[in-house]
């Protein structure tokens, strides 16, 4: 079974206010991206591979200007394929 994020799903979400650390960014995330969560920014060369268990939401992402390429945060290159972190 899985949860389907319908158009009005977030209207019934009770989101708590989050306070992020200096090395984190706040943005919509978690279940159906309804509530703000803190993400740790990963610098160039950092591991951006998937979490160890399926269904576990990501709590980290490549810093601005970097992409997750082969599970490593890398400056984008026109010749490489990339995946969203």
C-alpha atoms as a PDB file:
ATOM      1  CA  UNK A   1       0.000   0.000   0.000  1.00  0.00           C
ATOM      2  CA  UNK A   2       1.043   3.573  -0.513  1.00  0.00           C
ATOM      3  CA  UNK A   3      -0.268   7.025   0.298  1.00  0.00           C
ATOM      4  CA  UNK A   4      -1.543   9.116  -2.576  1.00  0.00           C
ATOM      5  CA  UNK A   5      -0.958  12.844  -2.294  1.00  0.00           C
ATOM      6  CA  UNK A   6      -4.233  14.288  -3.493  1.00  0.00           C
ATOM      7  CA  UNK A   7      -4.769  17.930  -4.450  1.00  0.00           C
ATOM      8  CA  UNK A   8      -6.088  18.925  -0.996  1.00  0.00           C
ATOM      9  CA  UNK A   9      -4.017  16.482   1.084  1.00  0.00           C
ATOM     10  CA  UNK A  10      -1.957  19.210   2.796  1.00  0.00           C
ATOM     11  CA  UNK A  11      -5.022  21.144   4.006  1.00  0.00           C
ATOM     12  CA  UNK A  12      -5.395  18.645   6.864  1.00  0.00           C
ATOM     13  CA  UNK A  13      -1.708  18.584   7.797  1.00  0.00           C
ATOM     14  CA  UNK A  14      -0.741  19.892  11.223  1.00  0.00           C
ATOM     15  CA  UNK A  15       2.696  21.287  10.450  1.00  0.00           C
ATOM     16  CA  UNK A  16       4.956  22.324  13.298  1.00  0.00           C
ATOM     17  CA  UNK A  17       7.295  25.297  13.011  1.00  0.00           C
ATOM     18  CA  UNK A  18      10.849  24.151  12.338  1.00  0.00           C
ATOM     19  CA  UNK A  19      14.101  25.875  13.273  1.00  0.00           C
ATOM     20  CA  UNK A  20      17.040  24.778  11.155  1.00  0.00           C
ATOM     21  CA  UNK A  21      20.731  24.774  12.047  1.00  0.00           C
ATOM     22  CA  UNK A  22      23.133  27.067  10.190  1.00  0.00           C
ATOM     23  CA  UNK A  23      24.199  24.259   7.808  1.00  0.00           C
ATOM     24  CA  UNK A  24      20.606  23.409   6.912  1.00  0.00           C
ATOM     25  CA  UNK A  25      17.958  24.859   4.639  1.00  0.00           C
ATOM     26  CA  UNK A  26      14.222  24.929   5.220  1.00  0.00           C
ATOM     27  CA  UNK A  27      11.833  23.877   2.494  1.00  0.00           C
ATOM     28  CA  UNK A  28       8.747  21.802   1.902  1.00  0.00           C
ATOM     29  CA  UNK A  29       9.450  18.115   2.327  1.00  0.00           C
ATOM     30  CA  UNK A  30       8.371  15.001   4.138  1.00  0.00           C
ATOM     31  CA  UNK A  31       5.116  13.281   3.340  1.00  0.00           C
ATOM     32  CA  UNK A  32       3.576  14.861   0.229  1.00  0.00           C
ATOM     33  CA  UNK A  33       5.806  17.929   0.762  1.00  0.00           C
ATOM     34  CA  UNK A  34       3.176  19.527   3.021  1.00  0.00           C
ATOM     35  CA  UNK A  35       5.353  20.791   5.861  1.00  0.00           C
ATOM     36  CA  UNK A  36       8.684  22.566   6.166  1.00  0.00           C
ATOM     37  CA  UNK A  37      11.625  20.342   7.061  1.00  0.00           C
ATOM     38  CA  UNK A  38      15.335  20.993   7.547  1.00  0.00           C
ATOM     39  CA  UNK A  39      17.703  19.631   4.928  1.00  0.00           C
ATOM     40  CA  UNK A  40      21.454  19.346   5.415  1.00  0.00           C
ATOM     41  CA  UNK A  41      23.302  20.787   2.444  1.00  0.00           C
ATOM     42  CA  UNK A  42      25.981  18.487   1.048  1.00  0.00           C
ATOM     43  CA  UNK A  43      29.067  20.136  -0.411  1.00  0.00           C
ATOM     44  CA  UNK A  44      30.949  19.197  -3.550  1.00  0.00           C
ATOM     45  CA  UNK A  45      32.257  15.632  -3.367  1.00  0.00           C
ATOM     46  CA  UNK A  46      29.796  14.658  -0.627  1.00  0.00           C
ATOM     47  CA  UNK A  47      27.734  11.456  -0.702  1.00  0.00           C
ATOM     48  CA  UNK A  48      24.201  12.112  -1.950  1.00  0.00           C
ATOM     49  CA  UNK A  49      23.138   8.508  -2.393  1.00  0.00           C
ATOM     50  CA  UNK A  50      19.667   7.335  -1.419  1.00  0.00           C
ATOM     51  CA  UNK A  51      18.755   6.554   2.203  1.00  0.00           C
ATOM     52  CA  UNK A  52      19.492   2.998   3.356  1.00  0.00           C
ATOM     53  CA  UNK A  53      15.811   2.033   3.527  1.00  0.00           C
ATOM     54  CA  UNK A  54      13.049   2.535   0.981  1.00  0.00           C
ATOM     55  CA  UNK A  55      10.396   4.994   2.023  1.00  0.00           C
ATOM     56  CA  UNK A  56      12.698   6.953   4.327  1.00  0.00           C
ATOM     57  CA  UNK A  57      12.480  10.627   3.331  1.00  0.00           C
ATOM     58  CA  UNK A  58      15.677  12.411   2.400  1.00  0.00           C
ATOM     59  CA  UNK A  59      17.011  14.883   4.960  1.00  0.00           C
ATOM     60  CA  UNK A  60      19.939  16.087   2.868  1.00  0.00           C
ATOM     61  CA  UNK A  61      20.563  17.427  -0.609  1.00  0.00           C
ATOM     62  CA  UNK A  62      23.362  18.805  -2.734  1.00  0.00           C
ATOM     63  CA  UNK A  63      24.141  22.477  -2.121  1.00  0.00           C
ATOM     64  CA  UNK A  64      22.951  25.066  -4.613  1.00  0.00           C
ATOM     65  CA  UNK A  65      24.726  24.745  -7.948  1.00  0.00           C
ATOM     66  CA  UNK A  66      25.539  21.052  -7.437  1.00  0.00           C
ATOM     67  CA  UNK A  67      23.808  17.930  -8.736  1.00  0.00           C
ATOM     68  CA  UNK A  68      23.789  14.355  -7.506  1.00  0.00           C
ATOM     69  CA  UNK A  69      25.788  12.464 -10.144  1.00  0.00           C
ATOM     70  CA  UNK A  70      26.651   8.828  -9.427  1.00  0.00           C
ATOM     71  CA  UNK A  71      25.762   9.409  -5.737  1.00  0.00           C
ATOM     72  CA  UNK A  72      28.271  12.295  -5.406  1.00  0.00           C
ATOM     73  CA  UNK A  73      27.462  16.024  -5.283  1.00  0.00           C
ATOM     74  CA  UNK A  74      29.157  17.424  -8.354  1.00  0.00           C
ATOM     75  CA  UNK A  75      29.140  20.608 -10.402  1.00  0.00           C
ATOM     76  CA  UNK A  76      26.940  19.862 -13.421  1.00  0.00           C
ATOM     77  CA  UNK A  77      28.630  19.072 -16.695  1.00  0.00           C
ATOM     78  CA  UNK A  78      26.792  19.196 -20.010  1.00  0.00           C
ATOM     79  CA  UNK A  79      28.052  15.722 -20.953  1.00  0.00           C
ATOM     80  CA  UNK A  80      26.978  13.874 -17.789  1.00  0.00           C
ATOM     81  CA  UNK A  81      23.647  12.430 -16.832  1.00  0.00           C
ATOM     82  CA  UNK A  82      22.318  13.483 -13.466  1.00  0.00           C
ATOM     83  CA  UNK A  83      19.631  12.509 -11.046  1.00  0.00           C
ATOM     84  CA  UNK A  84      17.702  14.716  -8.685  1.00  0.00           C
ATOM     85  CA  UNK A  85      18.793  14.431  -5.052  1.00  0.00           C
END
